[in-house]
Amino acid sequence: MSKYLLELKYTLDGIRGVKAQGGSARVAAATELIESVGGKLDHMYFAFGDTDVYCVADLPDNVSAVAVAQAVSAGGGAKARTVVLLTAAEVDAAVSKTSTYRPPGS
C-alpha cells in the first residue's frame, strides 16, 4: 500500500456538520470511508488556516485514492486535495533510474 495525504477544506455545510457532531464523528466517518476501499487511516488532524483537516492514509492504489477524494467532495461537506507521499527508498529508486529528457527549445 502507498501513503497519501488528504487535505480537506470544509464548506459551510461541513463546518455546520462538525459543529453539530464534533470531531470524533468525522474521524469515524473518515475511517469508515478509507476502510471501505481497502485502506487504513493512519492519522487525522484538524488544523487552523487554509486547510481544515489533514489525513494520512494507507491506500491500495491511486484509484482508491481518487475514490476517497471523490466521495468526500461529492458529499458537499469538504473539498479534497490528495498528495502522494513517497518514502526515502522510493526516492532513491527514482533517482537511480536512467532517463532521457530534452528541455523545450533544445
Protein backbone atom coordinates (compact mmCIF):
# COMPACT_ATOMS: atom_id res chain seq x y z
CA MET A 1 0.00 0.00 0.00
CA SER A 2 1.05 3.59 -0.56
CA LYS A 3 0.74 6.60 1.73
CA TYR A 4 -1.45 9.55 0.81
CA LEU A 5 -2.00 12.92 2.43
CA LEU A 6 -5.57 14.15 2.11
CA GLU A 7 -6.01 17.87 2.70
CA LEU A 8 -9.60 18.91 3.32
CA LYS A 9 -11.20 22.34 3.27
CA TYR A 10 -14.66 22.42 4.84
CA THR A 11 -17.58 24.08 3.11
CA LEU A 12 -20.14 25.95 5.19
CA ASP A 13 -22.21 22.74 5.38
CA GLY A 14 -19.13 20.83 6.53
CA ILE A 15 -18.41 23.33 9.28
CA ARG A 16 -22.02 23.09 10.42
CA GLY A 17 -21.73 19.30 10.50
CA VAL A 18 -18.58 19.37 12.63
CA LYS A 19 -20.17 21.91 14.94
CA ALA A 20 -23.24 19.68 15.35
CA GLN A 21 -21.48 16.30 15.72
CA GLY A 22 -17.92 17.09 16.79
CA GLY A 23 -14.55 15.96 15.52
CA SER A 24 -14.80 12.35 16.69
CA ALA A 25 -17.74 11.76 14.34
CA ARG A 26 -15.62 12.98 11.42
CA VAL A 27 -12.75 10.67 12.38
CA ALA A 28 -15.21 7.76 12.47
CA ALA A 29 -16.61 8.74 9.06
CA ALA A 30 -13.11 9.08 7.56
CA THR A 31 -12.06 5.72 8.99
CA GLU A 32 -15.16 4.03 7.54
CA LEU A 33 -14.63 5.62 4.11
CA ILE A 34 -10.95 4.71 3.88
CA GLU A 35 -11.51 1.16 5.12
CA SER A 36 -14.34 0.72 2.58
CA VAL A 37 -11.78 0.97 -0.25
CA GLY A 38 -9.31 -1.36 1.47
CA GLY A 39 -7.21 1.30 3.19
CA LYS A 40 -6.24 2.31 6.70
CA LEU A 41 -6.40 5.76 8.29
CA ASP A 42 -3.07 6.46 10.00
CA HIS A 43 -3.73 9.92 11.39
CA MET A 44 -6.33 12.66 11.16
CA TYR A 45 -5.60 16.16 12.41
CA PHE A 46 -7.81 19.23 12.49
CA ALA A 47 -5.97 22.48 11.73
CA PHE A 48 -6.13 26.26 11.53
CA GLY A 49 -5.65 28.13 8.26
CA ASP A 50 -6.45 27.28 4.65
CA THR A 51 -6.67 23.55 5.35
CA ASP A 52 -9.14 22.33 7.96
CA VAL A 53 -8.14 18.64 8.10
CA TYR A 54 -5.04 16.62 7.28
CA CYS A 55 -5.41 12.84 6.93
CA VAL A 56 -2.58 10.41 6.35
CA ALA A 57 -3.81 7.11 4.99
CA ASP A 58 -2.52 3.87 3.53
CA LEU A 59 -4.46 3.15 0.35
CA PRO A 60 -4.12 0.23 -2.06
CA ASP A 61 -3.62 2.37 -5.17
CA ASN A 62 -4.30 5.66 -6.95
CA VAL A 63 -7.77 4.51 -7.99
CA SER A 64 -8.70 4.06 -4.33
CA ALA A 65 -7.27 7.49 -3.50
CA VAL A 66 -9.40 9.08 -6.22
CA ALA A 67 -12.47 7.20 -4.96
CA VAL A 68 -11.92 8.61 -1.46
CA ALA A 69 -11.38 12.18 -2.70
CA GLN A 70 -14.43 12.00 -4.97
CA ALA A 71 -16.63 10.64 -2.17
CA VAL A 72 -15.59 13.48 0.13
CA SER A 73 -16.06 16.19 -2.49
CA ALA A 74 -19.35 14.74 -3.80
CA GLY A 75 -20.71 14.75 -0.24
CA GLY A 76 -20.61 18.53 -0.32
CA GLY A 77 -19.08 19.00 3.13
CA ALA A 78 -15.49 19.48 2.04
CA LYS A 79 -13.17 19.86 -0.92
CA ALA A 80 -10.33 17.35 -1.04
CA ARG A 81 -6.77 17.63 -2.29
CA THR A 82 -4.69 14.44 -2.48
CA VAL A 83 -0.90 14.24 -2.25
CA VAL A 84 1.00 11.02 -2.93
CA LEU A 85 3.65 10.53 -0.24
CA LEU A 86 6.95 8.80 -1.07
CA THR A 87 9.38 7.03 1.20
CA ALA A 88 13.12 7.70 1.06
CA ALA A 89 13.57 4.27 -0.55
CA GLU A 90 11.14 5.20 -3.33
CA VAL A 91 13.01 8.44 -3.98
CA ASP A 92 16.30 6.51 -4.01
CA ALA A 93 14.83 4.13 -6.59
CA ALA A 94 13.64 7.06 -8.71
CA VAL A 95 17.00 8.84 -8.75
CA SER A 96 18.78 5.62 -9.68
CA LYS A 97 16.71 5.23 -12.87
CA THR A 98 18.31 6.30 -16.10
CA SER A 99 16.11 8.57 -18.15
CA THR A 100 16.42 10.95 -21.06
CA TYR A 101 14.86 14.36 -21.32
CA ARG A 102 15.22 17.15 -23.81
CA PRO A 103 14.16 20.57 -22.43
CA PRO A 104 11.95 22.77 -24.63
CA GLY A 105 13.96 24.64 -27.24
CA SER A 106 16.90 22.24 -27.25
